[in-house]
């Protein structure tokens, strides 16, 4: 039996607690007092698996841009760019690159809007998964 953050884990349970959507990962350390730990880094989700995540992050980004969010210099332009991104087929390389550049443009108009910048970072990470 191992301990994880003060809770006892029965034998055979797996901890899948590290999820990385940014494409690079350094060393990841197991919890203190863990025994028989196996670490491996998977290749991430496939394009098909990430489609619901892509839809969700775009929806969340739209919600964050609704109204007049603090830290966004031009919310209307950001919403228009987001509308264009939603209509793109990011399964195609050229469309994916266009979506990436539009997301980066939105980010330049939202440098002080932490939630928006975080969602854009997530969207860019999902575009990285779409490249295979």
Protein backbone atom coordinates (compact mmCIF):
# COMPACT_ATOMS: atom_id res chain seq x y z
CA UNK A 1 0.00 0.00 0.00
CA UNK A 2 1.30 3.47 -0.85
CA UNK A 3 0.37 6.88 0.45
CA UNK A 4 -0.49 9.78 -1.80
CA UNK A 5 -1.04 13.22 -0.26
CA UNK A 6 -2.06 11.67 3.03
CA UNK A 7 -4.56 9.18 1.54
CA UNK A 8 -3.99 5.47 1.44
CA UNK A 9 -4.23 3.87 -2.00
CA UNK A 10 -5.01 0.19 -2.31
CA UNK A 11 -2.74 -1.94 -4.47
CA UNK A 12 -3.54 -1.84 -8.18
CA UNK A 13 -4.84 1.72 -8.35
CA UNK A 14 -3.25 4.04 -10.88
CA UNK A 15 -2.61 7.73 -10.53
CA UNK A 16 -2.95 9.44 -13.89
CA UNK A 17 -2.59 12.93 -12.49
CA UNK A 18 -0.28 14.65 -14.97
CA UNK A 19 -1.89 15.93 -18.15
CA UNK A 20 0.19 18.13 -20.41
CA UNK A 21 -1.38 19.93 -23.37
CA UNK A 22 1.60 22.13 -24.21
CA UNK A 23 3.66 19.47 -25.94
CA UNK A 24 6.80 19.40 -23.80
CA UNK A 25 7.37 17.90 -20.40
CA UNK A 26 10.32 17.88 -18.05
CA UNK A 27 10.84 15.50 -15.16
CA UNK A 28 7.75 14.51 -13.19
CA UNK A 29 8.25 13.29 -9.65
CA UNK A 30 6.12 10.69 -7.88
CA UNK A 31 4.62 11.43 -4.51
CA UNK A 32 6.71 10.97 -1.39
CA UNK A 33 6.69 7.39 -0.03
CA UNK A 34 5.41 5.89 -3.31
CA UNK A 35 6.54 2.36 -4.02
CA UNK A 36 6.70 0.45 -7.30
CA UNK A 37 5.91 3.51 -9.36
CA UNK A 38 5.96 3.28 -13.15
CA UNK A 39 6.26 6.49 -15.15
CA UNK A 40 5.64 6.87 -18.85
CA UNK A 41 4.75 9.67 -21.18
CA UNK A 42 2.01 9.00 -23.69
CA UNK A 43 1.66 10.66 -27.04
CA UNK A 44 -1.48 12.55 -26.11
CA UNK A 45 -4.92 12.54 -27.68
CA UNK A 46 -5.57 12.01 -31.32
CA UNK A 47 -7.22 14.68 -33.43
CA UNK A 48 -10.56 12.89 -33.11
CA UNK A 49 -10.25 12.63 -29.33
CA UNK A 50 -9.46 16.34 -29.01
CA UNK A 51 -12.48 17.55 -31.06
CA UNK A 52 -14.78 17.83 -28.01
CA UNK A 53 -12.02 19.65 -26.11
CA UNK A 54 -11.54 22.05 -29.05
CA UNK A 55 -15.28 22.81 -29.13
CA UNK A 56 -15.35 23.32 -25.36
CA UNK A 57 -12.34 25.65 -25.26
CA UNK A 58 -13.80 27.78 -28.08
CA UNK A 59 -17.15 27.92 -26.29
CA UNK A 60 -15.42 28.92 -23.02
CA UNK A 61 -13.38 31.53 -24.87
CA UNK A 62 -16.58 32.98 -26.35
CA UNK A 63 -18.10 33.21 -22.87
CA UNK A 64 -14.97 34.92 -21.54
CA UNK A 65 -15.18 37.49 -24.36
CA UNK A 66 -18.90 38.23 -23.84
CA UNK A 67 -19.70 41.70 -22.63
CA UNK A 68 -16.81 44.06 -22.01
CA UNK A 69 -14.20 41.92 -20.22
CA UNK A 70 -11.53 43.81 -18.34
CA UNK A 71 -8.10 43.60 -19.97
CA UNK A 72 -9.39 43.15 -23.54
CA UNK A 73 -8.61 46.13 -25.77
CA UNK A 74 -11.12 45.31 -28.55
CA UNK A 75 -13.69 42.68 -27.48
CA UNK A 76 -15.77 42.98 -30.68
CA UNK A 77 -12.78 42.23 -32.93
CA UNK A 78 -11.86 39.30 -30.68
CA UNK A 79 -15.40 37.89 -30.97
CA UNK A 80 -15.29 38.28 -34.76
CA UNK A 81 -11.94 36.47 -34.97
CA UNK A 82 -13.30 33.72 -32.74
CA UNK A 83 -16.28 33.34 -35.08
CA UNK A 84 -13.89 32.87 -38.00
CA UNK A 85 -11.88 30.28 -36.03
CA UNK A 86 -15.05 28.31 -35.22
CA UNK A 87 -15.79 28.00 -38.96
CA UNK A 88 -12.36 26.66 -39.87
CA UNK A 89 -11.53 23.03 -40.54
CA UNK A 90 -8.48 22.69 -38.30
CA UNK A 91 -7.93 19.19 -39.67
CA UNK A 92 -6.34 20.85 -42.70
CA UNK A 93 -2.83 22.22 -42.23
CA UNK A 94 -3.46 25.62 -43.84
CA UNK A 95 -6.67 26.13 -41.84
CA UNK A 96 -4.94 25.05 -38.63
CA UNK A 97 -2.15 27.59 -39.21
CA UNK A 98 -4.73 30.30 -39.91
CA UNK A 99 -6.56 29.42 -36.67
CA UNK A 100 -3.25 29.57 -34.80
CA UNK A 101 -2.44 33.04 -36.17
CA UNK A 102 -5.95 34.30 -35.35
CA UNK A 103 -5.69 32.97 -31.79
CA UNK A 104 -2.35 34.73 -31.41
CA UNK A 105 -3.92 37.95 -32.70
CA UNK A 106 -6.69 37.66 -30.11
CA UNK A 107 -4.01 37.12 -27.46
CA UNK A 108 -2.32 40.41 -28.42
CA UNK A 109 -5.59 42.23 -27.73
CA UNK A 110 -6.07 40.46 -24.39
CA UNK A 111 -2.67 40.64 -22.69
CA UNK A 112 -4.23 41.70 -19.37
CA UNK A 113 -7.16 39.26 -19.45
CA UNK A 114 -5.78 36.22 -17.63
CA UNK A 115 -8.76 33.92 -18.29
CA UNK A 116 -8.78 34.70 -22.01
CA UNK A 117 -5.01 34.21 -22.33
CA UNK A 118 -5.24 30.87 -20.48
CA UNK A 119 -8.01 29.65 -22.80
CA UNK A 120 -6.02 30.74 -25.86
CA UNK A 121 -3.02 28.79 -24.56
CA UNK A 122 -5.25 25.71 -24.21
CA UNK A 123 -6.60 26.18 -27.73
CA UNK A 124 -3.08 26.50 -29.14
CA UNK A 125 -2.11 23.30 -27.32
CA UNK A 126 -5.06 21.48 -28.89
CA UNK A 127 -3.99 22.71 -32.32
CA UNK A 128 -0.62 21.12 -31.57
CA UNK A 129 -2.40 17.77 -31.01
CA UNK A 130 -4.15 18.17 -34.36
CA UNK A 131 -0.79 18.16 -36.12
CA UNK A 132 -0.32 14.51 -35.15
